[in-house]
Amino acid sequence: VQLQASGGGLVQAGGSLRLSCAASGSISSINAMAWYRQAPGKQREFVAVVTSGGLTNYADSVKGRFTISRDNAKNTVHLQMNSLKPEDAAVYYCGANVRVRGTSGHYWGQGTLVTVSS
């Protein structure tokens, strides 16, 4: 199973970016798909999660600004980030709980860098 993240880049404060992450491989099903982020010198932190049924949850720091969504047919998760702040700058990682031939496991993407200029 591979998770390929894309969509990072440089944006001014107040701007928007849309991250995407596509899962591929011998996937039977995907339960939760989530985004995490890690800023320099800090631990990786939870950003948002969406279940296979569409239930979502967000970190307090991004509520009202970020929206997570998924396309189950394409095994893809997106993160729409609006009103970006300098403190949102980080490497963003997607993660997913994937079932492969009867065995479940957690997989990570390679990360995509988001830079927010003030």
Protein backbone atom coordinates (compact mmCIF):
# COMPACT_ATOMS: atom_id res chain seq x y z
CA VAL A 1 0.00 0.00 0.00
CA GLN A 2 1.28 3.46 -0.90
CA LEU A 3 -0.09 6.86 0.03
CA GLN A 4 0.93 9.70 -2.26
CA ALA A 5 0.38 13.21 -0.95
CA SER A 6 0.40 16.32 -3.10
CA GLY A 7 -0.71 19.94 -3.15
CA GLY A 8 1.70 21.61 -0.77
CA GLY A 9 3.42 24.86 -1.60
CA LEU A 10 4.02 28.47 -0.63
CA VAL A 11 1.06 30.68 0.14
CA GLN A 12 0.56 34.04 1.78
CA ALA A 13 -1.22 34.30 5.09
CA GLY A 14 -4.95 34.34 4.48
CA GLY A 15 -4.61 32.24 1.37
CA SER A 16 -5.77 28.73 0.57
CA LEU A 17 -4.29 25.39 -0.43
CA ARG A 18 -5.82 22.02 -1.19
CA LEU A 19 -3.93 18.90 -0.28
CA SER A 20 -4.68 15.50 -1.75
CA CYS A 21 -3.60 12.02 -0.84
CA ALA A 22 -4.23 8.93 -2.94
CA ALA A 23 -3.91 5.39 -1.65
CA SER A 24 -2.93 2.61 -4.01
CA GLY A 25 -2.07 -1.05 -3.83
CA SER A 26 -3.89 -4.24 -2.92
CA ILE A 27 -6.53 -2.48 -0.85
CA SER A 28 -9.62 -4.28 0.36
CA SER A 29 -11.05 -1.31 2.21
CA ILE A 30 -10.01 1.89 3.96
CA ASN A 31 -11.44 2.94 7.28
CA ALA A 32 -10.27 6.29 8.59
CA MET A 33 -8.16 8.66 6.53
CA ALA A 34 -6.48 11.54 8.29
CA TRP A 35 -4.06 14.41 8.03
CA TYR A 36 -1.32 15.20 10.49
CA ARG A 37 1.34 17.87 10.42
CA GLN A 38 4.77 18.42 11.83
CA ALA A 39 6.41 21.80 12.14
CA PRO A 40 10.19 22.13 12.60
CA GLY A 41 11.19 21.26 16.14
CA LYS A 42 7.71 20.06 17.06
CA GLN A 43 5.99 16.72 17.33
CA ARG A 44 3.61 15.47 14.71
CA GLU A 45 0.09 16.60 15.54
CA PHE A 46 -3.37 15.59 14.45
CA VAL A 47 -5.17 17.90 12.01
CA ALA A 48 -8.30 16.17 10.75
CA VAL A 49 -9.84 12.75 10.17
CA VAL A 50 -12.68 11.37 8.07
CA THR A 51 -14.18 7.91 8.42
CA SER A 52 -15.38 5.74 5.58
CA GLY A 53 -18.90 6.87 6.44
CA GLY A 54 -18.00 10.53 6.17
CA LEU A 55 -17.78 11.45 9.84
CA THR A 56 -15.17 14.12 10.45
CA ASN A 57 -13.22 15.53 13.34
CA TYR A 58 -10.77 18.42 13.50
CA ALA A 59 -8.11 19.82 15.73
CA ASP A 60 -9.36 22.93 17.49
CA SER A 61 -6.67 25.00 15.80
CA VAL A 62 -8.10 24.36 12.33
CA LYS A 63 -11.84 24.14 12.97
CA GLY A 64 -13.76 26.46 10.70
CA ARG A 65 -10.80 26.93 8.36
CA PHE A 66 -9.93 23.42 7.13
CA THR A 67 -12.25 20.89 5.54
CA ILE A 68 -11.41 17.22 5.09
CA SER A 69 -13.20 15.13 2.50
CA ARG A 70 -12.70 11.83 0.74
CA ASP A 71 -13.57 10.05 -2.45
CA ASN A 72 -14.05 6.40 -1.54
CA ALA A 73 -14.19 5.30 -5.17
CA LYS A 74 -10.72 6.76 -5.74
CA ASN A 75 -9.26 5.98 -2.28
CA THR A 76 -8.41 9.64 -1.99
CA VAL A 77 -8.59 12.14 0.84
CA HIS A 78 -8.42 15.92 0.50
CA LEU A 79 -7.73 18.75 2.89
CA GLN A 80 -9.03 22.16 1.89
CA MET A 81 -7.14 24.76 3.90
CA ASN A 82 -8.49 28.30 3.97
CA SER A 83 -7.46 31.40 5.90
CA LEU A 84 -4.00 29.98 6.36
CA LYS A 85 -1.85 31.35 9.15
CA PRO A 86 1.94 31.28 9.55
CA GLU A 87 1.48 28.75 12.35
CA ASP A 88 -0.09 26.33 9.85
CA ALA A 89 3.26 25.95 8.13
CA ALA A 90 4.47 22.37 8.42
CA VAL A 91 5.00 19.14 6.59
CA TYR A 92 1.56 17.60 6.19
CA TYR A 93 1.24 13.83 6.27
CA CYS A 94 -1.72 11.73 5.29
CA GLY A 95 -2.43 8.53 7.09
CA ALA A 96 -4.95 5.78 6.58
CA ASN A 97 -6.16 2.60 8.25
CA VAL A 98 -6.16 0.14 5.40
CA ARG A 99 -7.39 -3.43 5.20
CA VAL A 100 -5.34 -5.65 2.92
CA ARG A 101 -6.41 -9.27 2.42
CA GLY A 102 -7.96 -9.54 5.89
CA THR A 103 -5.24 -7.68 7.76
CA SER A 104 -5.55 -4.07 8.89
CA GLY A 105 -2.66 -1.69 9.23
CA HIS A 106 -1.87 2.00 9.40
CA TYR A 107 0.01 3.57 6.54
CA TRP A 108 1.63 6.98 6.08
CA GLY A 109 2.26 9.10 3.03
CA GLN A 110 5.56 10.82 2.41
CA GLY A 111 4.49 14.30 3.45
CA THR A 112 3.96 17.52 1.56
CA LEU A 113 5.39 20.86 2.66
CA VAL A 114 3.15 23.83 3.34
CA THR A 115 4.83 27.20 3.79
CA VAL A 116 2.83 30.24 4.85
CA SER A 117 4.38 33.67 4.54
CA SER A 118 3.26 36.51 6.77
